[in-house]
C-alpha atoms as a PDB file:
ATOM      1  CA  UNK A   1      19.723  14.887  10.858  1.00  0.00           C
ATOM      2  CA  UNK A   2      20.883  12.880   8.790  1.00  0.00           C
ATOM      3  CA  UNK A   3      19.794  12.565   4.558  1.00  0.00           C
ATOM      4  CA  UNK A   4      16.817  10.209   5.672  1.00  0.00           C
ATOM      5  CA  UNK A   5      15.725  11.953   8.679  1.00  0.00           C
ATOM      6  CA  UNK A   6      16.264  15.094   6.556  1.00  0.00           C
ATOM      7  CA  UNK A   7      14.007  14.124   3.337  1.00  0.00           C
ATOM      8  CA  UNK A   8      11.197  12.426   5.551  1.00  0.00           C
ATOM      9  CA  UNK A   9      10.633  15.065   7.440  1.00  0.00           C
ATOM     10  CA  UNK A  10      10.710  17.654   4.231  1.00  0.00           C
ATOM     11  CA  UNK A  11       8.240  14.888   2.819  1.00  0.00           C
ATOM     12  CA  UNK A  12       6.220  15.360   5.584  1.00  0.00           C
ATOM     13  CA  UNK A  13       6.023  19.433   5.383  1.00  0.00           C
ATOM     14  CA  UNK A  14       4.878  19.073   2.088  1.00  0.00           C
ATOM     15  CA  UNK A  15       2.140  16.443   2.168  1.00  0.00           C
ATOM     16  CA  UNK A  16       0.730  18.410   5.251  1.00  0.00           C
ATOM     17  CA  UNK A  17       1.089  21.372   3.268  1.00  0.00           C
ATOM     18  CA  UNK A  18      -0.540  19.590   0.177  1.00  0.00           C
ATOM     19  CA  UNK A  19      -3.596  18.076   2.351  1.00  0.00           C
ATOM     20  CA  UNK A  20      -4.404  21.134   3.935  1.00  0.00           C
ATOM     21  CA  UNK A  21      -4.834  23.148   0.778  1.00  0.00           C
ATOM     22  CA  UNK A  22      -7.143  20.608  -0.827  1.00  0.00           C
ATOM     23  CA  UNK A  23      -9.408  20.908   2.206  1.00  0.00           C
ATOM     24  CA  UNK A  24      -9.331  24.278   2.447  1.00  0.00           C
ATOM     25  CA  UNK A  25     -10.084  24.049  -1.655  1.00  0.00           C
ATOM     26  CA  UNK A  26     -13.261  21.704  -1.002  1.00  0.00           C
ATOM     27  CA  UNK A  27     -14.546  23.530   1.943  1.00  0.00           C
ATOM     28  CA  UNK A  28     -15.627  26.357  -0.026  1.00  0.00           C
ATOM     29  CA  UNK A  29     -18.700  26.840  -2.014  1.00  0.00           C
ATOM     30  CA  UNK A  30     -16.841  27.206  -5.007  1.00  0.00           C
ATOM     31  CA  UNK A  31     -13.153  25.388  -5.703  1.00  0.00           C
ATOM     32  CA  UNK A  32     -10.420  27.852  -5.000  1.00  0.00           C
ATOM     33  CA  UNK A  33      -8.159  27.704  -7.820  1.00  0.00           C
ATOM     34  CA  UNK A  34      -5.202  29.192  -5.166  1.00  0.00           C
ATOM     35  CA  UNK A  35      -5.811  26.775  -3.118  1.00  0.00           C
ATOM     36  CA  UNK A  36      -5.669  23.791  -5.801  1.00  0.00           C
ATOM     37  CA  UNK A  37      -2.411  25.372  -7.328  1.00  0.00           C
ATOM     38  CA  UNK A  38      -0.399  25.545  -3.821  1.00  0.00           C
ATOM     39  CA  UNK A  39      -1.877  21.785  -3.227  1.00  0.00           C
ATOM     40  CA  UNK A  40      -0.889  20.383  -6.746  1.00  0.00           C
ATOM     41  CA  UNK A  41       2.739  22.194  -6.047  1.00  0.00           C
ATOM     42  CA  UNK A  42       2.715  21.133  -2.498  1.00  0.00           C
ATOM     43  CA  UNK A  43       2.063  17.147  -3.618  1.00  0.00           C
ATOM     44  CA  UNK A  44       4.486  16.669  -6.175  1.00  0.00           C
ATOM     45  CA  UNK A  45       7.519  17.563  -4.040  1.00  0.00           C
ATOM     46  CA  UNK A  46       5.838  15.861  -1.370  1.00  0.00           C
ATOM     47  CA  UNK A  47       5.940  12.103  -3.485  1.00  0.00           C
ATOM     48  CA  UNK A  48       9.189  12.997  -5.203  1.00  0.00           C
ATOM     49  CA  UNK A  49      10.981  13.109  -1.369  1.00  0.00           C
ATOM     50  CA  UNK A  50       8.950  10.160  -0.441  1.00  0.00           C
ATOM     51  CA  UNK A  51      10.241   8.721  -3.162  1.00  0.00           C
ATOM     52  CA  UNK A  52      13.725  10.080  -2.896  1.00  0.00           C
ATOM     53  CA  UNK A  53      13.175   8.722   1.221  1.00  0.00           C
ATOM     54  CA  UNK A  54      12.231   5.044  -0.212  1.00  0.00           C
ATOM     55  CA  UNK A  55      15.776   4.672  -2.249  1.00  0.00           C
ATOM     56  CA  UNK A  56      17.807   6.351   0.474  1.00  0.00           C
ATOM     57  CA  UNK A  57      16.396   3.760   3.358  1.00  0.00           C
ATOM     58  CA  UNK A  58      16.575   0.648   1.013  1.00  0.00           C
ATOM     59  CA  UNK A  59      20.517   1.616   0.389  1.00  0.00           C
ATOM     60  CA  UNK A  60      21.442   2.290   3.522  1.00  0.00           C
ATOM     61  CA  UNK A  61      19.441  -1.229   4.400  1.00  0.00           C
ATOM     62  CA  UNK A  62      20.383  -2.859   2.228  1.00  0.00           C
ATOM     63  CA  UNK A  63      17.421  -3.585   1.834  1.00  0.00           C
ATOM     64  CA  UNK A  64      15.073  -4.651  -1.818  1.00  0.00           C
ATOM     65  CA  UNK A  65      12.007  -2.101  -1.087  1.00  0.00           C
ATOM     66  CA  UNK A  66       9.775  -4.307  -3.180  1.00  0.00           C
ATOM     67  CA  UNK A  67      10.773  -7.270  -0.221  1.00  0.00           C
ATOM     68  CA  UNK A  68      10.722  -5.197   3.053  1.00  0.00           C
ATOM     69  CA  UNK A  69       6.626  -4.709   4.545  1.00  0.00           C
ATOM     70  CA  UNK A  70       8.130  -0.985   5.621  1.00  0.00           C
ATOM     71  CA  UNK A  71       8.945  -0.243   2.257  1.00  0.00           C
ATOM     72  CA  UNK A  72       5.909  -1.971   0.792  1.00  0.00           C
ATOM     73  CA  UNK A  73       3.795  -0.168   3.086  1.00  0.00           C
ATOM     74  CA  UNK A  74       5.541   3.127   1.725  1.00  0.00           C
ATOM     75  CA  UNK A  75       5.165   2.527  -1.466  1.00  0.00           C
ATOM     76  CA  UNK A  76       1.201   2.343  -1.804  1.00  0.00           C
ATOM     77  CA  UNK A  77       1.098   5.452  -0.667  1.00  0.00           C
ATOM     78  CA  UNK A  78       2.929   6.431  -3.660  1.00  0.00           C
ATOM     79  CA  UNK A  79       1.441   4.449  -6.198  1.00  0.00           C
ATOM     80  CA  UNK A  80      -2.064   6.331  -4.761  1.00  0.00           C
ATOM     81  CA  UNK A  81      -0.345   9.536  -5.206  1.00  0.00           C
ATOM     82  CA  UNK A  82       1.124   9.291  -8.368  1.00  0.00           C
ATOM     83  CA  UNK A  83      -1.648   7.403  -9.802  1.00  0.00           C
ATOM     84  CA  UNK A  84      -4.062  10.704  -8.261  1.00  0.00           C
ATOM     85  CA  UNK A  85      -1.480  13.201 -10.018  1.00  0.00           C
ATOM     86  CA  UNK A  86      -1.714  11.581 -13.523  1.00  0.00           C
ATOM     87  CA  UNK A  87      -5.584  11.426 -13.697  1.00  0.00           C
ATOM     88  CA  UNK A  88      -6.619  14.835 -11.691  1.00  0.00           C
ATOM     89  CA  UNK A  89      -6.331  17.440 -14.212  1.00  0.00           C
ATOM     90  CA  UNK A  90      -7.304  14.881 -16.997  1.00  0.00           C
ATOM     91  CA  UNK A  91     -10.919  13.751 -15.016  1.00  0.00           C
ATOM     92  CA  UNK A  92     -11.106  16.851 -12.782  1.00  0.00           C
ATOM     93  CA  UNK A  93     -10.826  15.155  -9.583  1.00  0.00           C
ATOM     94  CA  UNK A  94      -8.825  17.397  -7.744  1.00  0.00           C
ATOM     95  CA  UNK A  95     -11.250  17.500  -4.358  1.00  0.00           C
ATOM     96  CA  UNK A  96     -10.052  13.653  -4.061  1.00  0.00           C
ATOM     97  CA  UNK A  97      -7.052  14.901  -2.856  1.00  0.00           C
ATOM     98  CA  UNK A  98      -7.912  15.950   0.356  1.00  0.00           C
ATOM     99  CA  UNK A  99      -8.227  11.961   0.584  1.00  0.00           C
ATOM    100  CA  UNK A 100      -5.071  10.974  -1.434  1.00  0.00           C
ATOM    101  CA  UNK A 101      -2.415  13.546   0.628  1.00  0.00           C
ATOM    102  CA  UNK A 102      -3.239  12.508   4.025  1.00  0.00           C
ATOM    103  CA  UNK A 103      -3.123   8.421   2.926  1.00  0.00           C
ATOM    104  CA  UNK A 104       0.044   9.648   1.596  1.00  0.00           C
ATOM    105  CA  UNK A 105       1.546  11.222   4.609  1.00  0.00           C
ATOM    106  CA  UNK A 106      -0.229   8.221   6.357  1.00  0.00           C
ATOM    107  CA  UNK A 107       1.840   5.675   4.689  1.00  0.00           C
ATOM    108  CA  UNK A 108       4.842   7.733   4.889  1.00  0.00           C
ATOM    109  CA  UNK A 109       5.124   8.295   8.709  1.00  0.00           C
ATOM    110  CA  UNK A 110       3.539   4.787   9.608  1.00  0.00           C
ATOM    111  CA  UNK A 111       6.544   2.929   7.736  1.00  0.00           C
ATOM    112  CA  UNK A 112       8.975   4.874   9.847  1.00  0.00           C
ATOM    113  CA  UNK A 113       8.086   2.310  12.887  1.00  0.00           C
ATOM    114  CA  UNK A 114       8.202  -0.347  11.027  1.00  0.00           C
ATOM    115  CA  UNK A 115      11.344  -2.571  11.161  1.00  0.00           C
ATOM    116  CA  UNK A 116      13.570  -2.422   8.138  1.00  0.00           C
ATOM    117  CA  UNK A 117      14.387  -5.848   7.335  1.00  0.00           C
ATOM    118  CA  UNK A 118      13.035  -7.886   4.751  1.00  0.00           C
ATOM    119  CA  UNK A 119      10.635 -10.555   4.291  1.00  0.00           C
ATOM    120  CA  UNK A 120      12.051 -13.642   5.264  1.00  0.00           C
ATOM    121  CA  UNK A 121      11.141 -16.438   2.402  1.00  0.00           C
ATOM    122  CA  UNK A 122      12.606 -20.179   0.851  1.00  0.00           C
ATOM    123  CA  UNK A 123      10.625 -19.122  -2.207  1.00  0.00           C
ATOM    124  CA  UNK A 124      12.592 -17.646  -5.279  1.00  0.00           C
ATOM    125  CA  UNK A 125      12.992 -13.922  -4.455  1.00  0.00           C
ATOM    126  CA  UNK A 126      11.538 -13.033  -7.697  1.00  0.00           C
ATOM    127  CA  UNK A 127       8.019 -14.306  -7.166  1.00  0.00           C
ATOM    128  CA  UNK A 128       8.449 -12.756  -3.673  1.00  0.00           C
ATOM    129  CA  UNK A 129       8.836  -9.414  -5.474  1.00  0.00           C
ATOM    130  CA  UNK A 130       6.257  -9.873  -7.964  1.00  0.00           C
ATOM    131  CA  UNK A 131       3.614 -11.064  -5.244  1.00  0.00           C
ATOM    132  CA  UNK A 132       4.157  -7.888  -2.931  1.00  0.00           C
ATOM    133  CA  UNK A 133       4.587  -5.378  -6.211  1.00  0.00           C
ATOM    134  CA  UNK A 134       1.514  -6.547  -7.644  1.00  0.00           C
ATOM    135  CA  UNK A 135      -0.777  -5.966  -3.947  1.00  0.00           C
ATOM    136  CA  UNK A 136       1.091  -2.310  -3.245  1.00  0.00           C
ATOM    137  CA  UNK A 137      -0.370  -1.680  -6.997  1.00  0.00           C
ATOM    138  CA  UNK A 138      -3.665  -3.498  -6.730  1.00  0.00           C
ATOM    139  CA  UNK A 139      -3.906  -2.138  -3.476  1.00  0.00           C
ATOM    140  CA  UNK A 140      -3.112   1.518  -4.791  1.00  0.00           C
ATOM    141  CA  UNK A 141      -5.442   1.700  -7.595  1.00  0.00           C
ATOM    142  CA  UNK A 142      -8.162   0.282  -5.732  1.00  0.00           C
ATOM    143  CA  UNK A 143      -7.505   3.118  -3.380  1.00  0.00           C
ATOM    144  CA  UNK A 144      -7.810   5.868  -6.189  1.00  0.00           C
ATOM    145  CA  UNK A 145     -11.408   3.982  -7.396  1.00  0.00           C
ATOM    146  CA  UNK A 146     -12.955   4.294  -3.954  1.00  0.00           C
ATOM    147  CA  UNK A 147     -12.181   8.015  -3.874  1.00  0.00           C
ATOM    148  CA  UNK A 148     -13.405   8.500  -7.047  1.00  0.00           C
ATOM    149  CA  UNK A 149     -16.527   6.095  -5.456  1.00  0.00           C
ATOM    150  CA  UNK A 150     -16.722   9.076  -2.867  1.00  0.00           C
ATOM    151  CA  UNK A 151     -16.712  11.917  -4.964  1.00  0.00           C
ATOM    152  CA  UNK A 152     -19.519   9.871  -7.060  1.00  0.00           C
ATOM    153  CA  UNK A 153     -21.683   9.262  -3.248  1.00  0.00           C
ATOM    154  CA  UNK A 154     -21.204  12.926  -2.193  1.00  0.00           C
ATOM    155  CA  UNK A 155     -22.428  14.379  -6.290  1.00  0.00           C
ATOM    156  CA  UNK A 156     -25.136  12.406  -6.312  1.00  0.00           C
ATOM    157  CA  UNK A 157     -26.468  12.964  -2.820  1.00  0.00           C
ATOM    158  CA  UNK A 158     -26.103  16.936  -3.527  1.00  0.00           C
ATOM    159  CA  UNK A 159     -27.845  16.619  -6.955  1.00  0.00           C
ATOM    160  CA  UNK A 160     -30.903  14.300  -5.790  1.00  0.00           C
ATOM    161  CA  UNK A 161     -31.099  17.060  -2.763  1.00  0.00           C
ATOM    162  CA  UNK A 162     -31.291  19.738  -5.357  1.00  0.00           C
ATOM    163  CA  UNK A 163     -28.190  21.039  -3.487  1.00  0.00           C
ATOM    164  CA  UNK A 164     -25.411  21.018  -6.805  1.00  0.00           C
ATOM    165  CA  UNK A 165     -23.780  24.607  -6.160  1.00  0.00           C
ATOM    166  CA  UNK A 166     -21.116  26.290  -7.887  1.00  0.00           C
ATOM    167  CA  UNK A 167     -18.204  23.965  -6.651  1.00  0.00           C
ATOM    168  CA  UNK A 168     -19.778  20.575  -7.907  1.00  0.00           C
ATOM    169  CA  UNK A 169     -19.688  22.104 -11.295  1.00  0.00           C
ATOM    170  CA  UNK A 170     -15.714  21.833 -10.638  1.00  0.00           C
ATOM    171  CA  UNK A 171     -16.219  17.703 -10.572  1.00  0.00           C
ATOM    172  CA  UNK A 172     -17.095  15.158 -13.625  1.00  0.00           C
ATOM    173  CA  UNK A 173     -20.881  14.602 -13.923  1.00  0.00           C
ATOM    174  CA  UNK A 174     -22.088  11.255 -12.567  1.00  0.00           C
ATOM    175  CA  UNK A 175     -21.679   9.470 -15.476  1.00  0.00           C
ATOM    176  CA  UNK A 176     -18.156  10.272 -16.017  1.00  0.00           C
ATOM    177  CA  UNK A 177     -16.842   9.367 -12.384  1.00  0.00           C
ATOM    178  CA  UNK A 178     -18.953   5.858 -12.904  1.00  0.00           C
ATOM    179  CA  UNK A 179     -16.688   5.148 -15.934  1.00  0.00           C
ATOM    180  CA  UNK A 180     -13.397   6.266 -14.200  1.00  0.00           C
ATOM    181  CA  UNK A 181     -14.296   4.666 -10.918  1.00  0.00           C
ATOM    182  CA  UNK A 182     -14.782   0.886 -13.085  1.00  0.00           C
ATOM    183  CA  UNK A 183     -11.975   1.993 -14.949  1.00  0.00           C
ATOM    184  CA  UNK A 184      -9.650   2.380 -11.948  1.00  0.00           C
ATOM    185  CA  UNK A 185     -11.320  -0.987 -10.560  1.00  0.00           C
ATOM    186  CA  UNK A 186     -10.757  -3.525 -13.517  1.00  0.00           C
ATOM    187  CA  UNK A 187      -7.252  -2.357 -13.890  1.00  0.00           C
ATOM    188  CA  UNK A 188      -6.662  -2.527 -10.045  1.00  0.00           C
ATOM    189  CA  UNK A 189      -8.094  -6.417 -10.224  1.00  0.00           C
ATOM    190  CA  UNK A 190      -5.241  -7.531 -12.650  1.00  0.00           C
ATOM    191  CA  UNK A 191      -2.482  -6.773 -10.383  1.00  0.00           C
ATOM    192  CA  UNK A 192      -4.512  -8.008  -7.435  1.00  0.00           C
ATOM    193  CA  UNK A 193      -5.506 -11.374  -8.856  1.00  0.00           C
ATOM    194  CA  UNK A 194      -1.640 -11.430  -9.608  1.00  0.00           C
ATOM    195  CA  UNK A 195      -0.901 -10.989  -6.081  1.00  0.00           C
ATOM    196  CA  UNK A 196      -3.514 -13.530  -4.763  1.00  0.00           C
ATOM    197  CA  UNK A 197      -2.572 -15.879  -7.084  1.00  0.00           C
ATOM    198  CA  UNK A 198       1.536 -15.412  -6.492  1.00  0.00           C
ATOM    199  CA  UNK A 199       0.544 -15.037  -2.624  1.00  0.00           C
ATOM    200  CA  UNK A 200      -0.426 -19.008  -2.741  1.00  0.00           C
ATOM    201  CA  UNK A 201       2.887 -20.094  -3.257  1.00  0.00           C
ATOM    202  CA  UNK A 202       3.805 -18.730   0.294  1.00  0.00           C
ATOM    203  CA  UNK A 203       0.586 -20.202   1.712  1.00  0.00           C
ATOM    204  CA  UNK A 204       2.058 -23.231   2.955  1.00  0.00           C
ATOM    205  CA  UNK A 205       4.488 -21.398   4.949  1.00  0.00           C
ATOM    206  CA  UNK A 206       2.410 -19.551   7.272  1.00  0.00           C
ATOM    207  CA  UNK A 207       1.098 -20.615  10.571  1.00  0.00           C
ATOM    208  CA  UNK A 208      -2.861 -20.428   9.971  1.00  0.00           C
ATOM    209  CA  UNK A 209      -3.872 -19.140  13.519  1.00  0.00           C
ATOM    210  CA  UNK A 210      -4.505 -15.634  14.405  1.00  0.00           C
ATOM    211  CA  UNK A 211      -3.383 -12.535  12.199  1.00  0.00           C
ATOM    212  CA  UNK A 212      -2.328 -14.820   9.625  1.00  0.00           C
ATOM    213  CA  UNK A 213      -5.663 -16.495   9.289  1.00  0.00           C
ATOM    214  CA  UNK A 214      -7.600 -13.490   9.614  1.00  0.00           C
ATOM    215  CA  UNK A 215      -4.796 -11.050   6.475  1.00  0.00           C
ATOM    216  CA  UNK A 216      -5.548 -14.412   4.471  1.00  0.00           C
ATOM    217  CA  UNK A 217      -8.907 -14.226   4.387  1.00  0.00           C
ATOM    218  CA  UNK A 218      -9.743 -10.223   3.920  1.00  0.00           C
ATOM    219  CA  UNK A 219      -7.422 -10.628   1.228  1.00  0.00           C
ATOM    220  CA  UNK A 220      -9.323 -13.223  -0.940  1.00  0.00           C
ATOM    221  CA  UNK A 221     -12.244 -11.131   0.234  1.00  0.00           C
ATOM    222  CA  UNK A 222     -11.332  -8.036  -1.454  1.00  0.00           C
ATOM    223  CA  UNK A 223     -10.172  -9.561  -4.435  1.00  0.00           C
ATOM    224  CA  UNK A 224     -14.190 -11.575  -4.212  1.00  0.00           C
ATOM    225  CA  UNK A 225     -15.356  -8.166  -4.010  1.00  0.00           C
ATOM    226  CA  UNK A 226     -13.468  -6.170  -6.355  1.00  0.00           C
ATOM    227  CA  UNK A 227     -14.620  -9.579  -9.109  1.00  0.00           C
ATOM    228  CA  UNK A 228     -18.083  -9.706  -7.584  1.00  0.00           C
ATOM    229  CA  UNK A 229     -18.447  -5.846  -8.644  1.00  0.00           C
ATOM    230  CA  UNK A 230     -16.752  -5.952 -12.135  1.00  0.00           C
ATOM    231  CA  UNK A 231     -18.192  -9.267 -13.118  1.00  0.00           C
ATOM    232  CA  UNK A 232     -21.279  -9.708 -11.066  1.00  0.00           C
ATOM    233  CA  UNK A 233     -22.314  -6.240 -11.014  1.00  0.00           C
ATOM    234  CA  UNK A 234     -23.364  -5.745 -14.573  1.00  0.00           C
ATOM    235  CA  UNK A 235     -24.937  -8.975 -14.574  1.00  0.00           C
ATOM    236  CA  UNK A 236     -27.292  -8.190 -11.840  1.00  0.00           C
ATOM    237  CA  UNK A 237     -27.525  -4.668 -12.951  1.00  0.00           C
ATOM    238  CA  UNK A 238     -25.278  -2.894 -10.533  1.00  0.00           C
ATOM    239  CA  UNK A 239     -25.240   0.790 -11.411  1.00  0.00           C
ATOM    240  CA  UNK A 240     -23.609   4.059  -9.581  1.00  0.00           C
ATOM    241  CA  UNK A 241     -24.136   4.164  -5.599  1.00  0.00           C
ATOM    242  CA  UNK A 242     -24.163  -0.012  -5.069  1.00  0.00           C
ATOM    243  CA  UNK A 243     -20.902  -0.204  -7.040  1.00  0.00           C
ATOM    244  CA  UNK A 244     -19.188   2.905  -5.430  1.00  0.00           C
ATOM    245  CA  UNK A 245     -20.192   1.400  -1.224  1.00  0.00           C
ATOM    246  CA  UNK A 246     -18.652  -1.669  -2.807  1.00  0.00           C
ATOM    247  CA  UNK A 247     -15.803  -0.228  -3.314  1.00  0.00           C
ATOM    248  CA  UNK A 248     -15.164   1.917  -0.837  1.00  0.00           C
ATOM    249  CA  UNK A 249     -15.669  -1.177   1.214  1.00  0.00           C
ATOM    250  CA  UNK A 250     -13.465  -3.419  -0.832  1.00  0.00           C
ATOM    251  CA  UNK A 251     -10.746  -0.411  -0.398  1.00  0.00           C
ATOM    252  CA  UNK A 252     -11.395  -0.115   3.158  1.00  0.00           C
ATOM    253  CA  UNK A 253     -11.102  -3.616   4.245  1.00  0.00           C
ATOM    254  CA  UNK A 254      -7.823  -3.652   1.834  1.00  0.00           C
ATOM    255  CA  UNK A 255      -6.045  -1.107   3.595  1.00  0.00           C
ATOM    256  CA  UNK A 256      -6.998  -2.920   6.660  1.00  0.00           C
ATOM    257  CA  UNK A 257      -4.817  -5.507   5.203  1.00  0.00           C
ATOM    258  CA  UNK A 258      -2.075  -3.724   4.669  1.00  0.00           C
ATOM    259  CA  UNK A 259      -2.533  -2.762   8.399  1.00  0.00           C
ATOM    260  CA  UNK A 260      -1.983  -6.220   9.252  1.00  0.00           C
ATOM    261  CA  UNK A 261       1.017  -7.093   7.250  1.00  0.00           C
ATOM    262  CA  UNK A 262       2.533  -4.123   9.738  1.00  0.00           C
ATOM    263  CA  UNK A 263       1.565  -6.587  12.209  1.00  0.00           C
ATOM    264  CA  UNK A 264       2.968 -10.349  10.608  1.00  0.00           C
ATOM    265  CA  UNK A 265       5.363  -9.187   8.298  1.00  0.00           C
ATOM    266  CA  UNK A 266       7.209 -12.284   7.462  1.00  0.00           C
ATOM    267  CA  UNK A 267       5.672 -15.027   5.052  1.00  0.00           C
ATOM    268  CA  UNK A 268       7.020 -17.335   7.366  1.00  0.00           C
ATOM    269  CA  UNK A 269       4.594 -15.742  10.210  1.00  0.00           C
ATOM    270  CA  UNK A 270       7.460 -14.609  11.688  1.00  0.00           C
ATOM    271  CA  UNK A 271       9.124 -11.346  12.391  1.00  0.00           C
END
């Protein structure tokens, strides 16, 4: 077993421990501080090992991480997990780790089955790097915002059912969750917009049919959904659950676009 394989294996173990601990913490009536401590202690090395696996892999294959679909998929998981760790303690959203840790694990494992070659394009490499990096950051923030949206919906449902148990007090109130959800959405909209703008540079090189057409259409669809919720939502008086469900729908579509990139990794439409 070489260095890369060992690093990936250790990262998988750390992510698996973190995901299990987060789930056990959330599954109990009152959030277990012990489980959360174990989860946080496992997720941090999982993230670091995940990052090391990208560095080692890119060096071994002589591939720029932001010019490779394999590493881009992996980096999406890193951005989501990293942002979660930065925000979890401050905003008391640790239970969302039950979703974030498995997502990091899936991103890491999925990337191992992809070809490590660079994305091909005749456009300047700097624009390709900006395009991929922007999409990575945007999807990561959008996904994390969807996690907060899911927490909002759960909290709202329990309050309506008058089942606000002791464990719910470990999460922020609905107003705080809604504010955080909107902030992440607004921040994520900036790199998403940059990704859409720079992606137009490569549009003329694609074969408009099949997965390419679906990928482009869905990418613009995600951007429009985010824009409508940010700009049109306040004008239409959308609050709470409507924004949350729209956020979740947009994040699911954005993750599906990432999956489509796994099947059509080349900007030129080939493999």
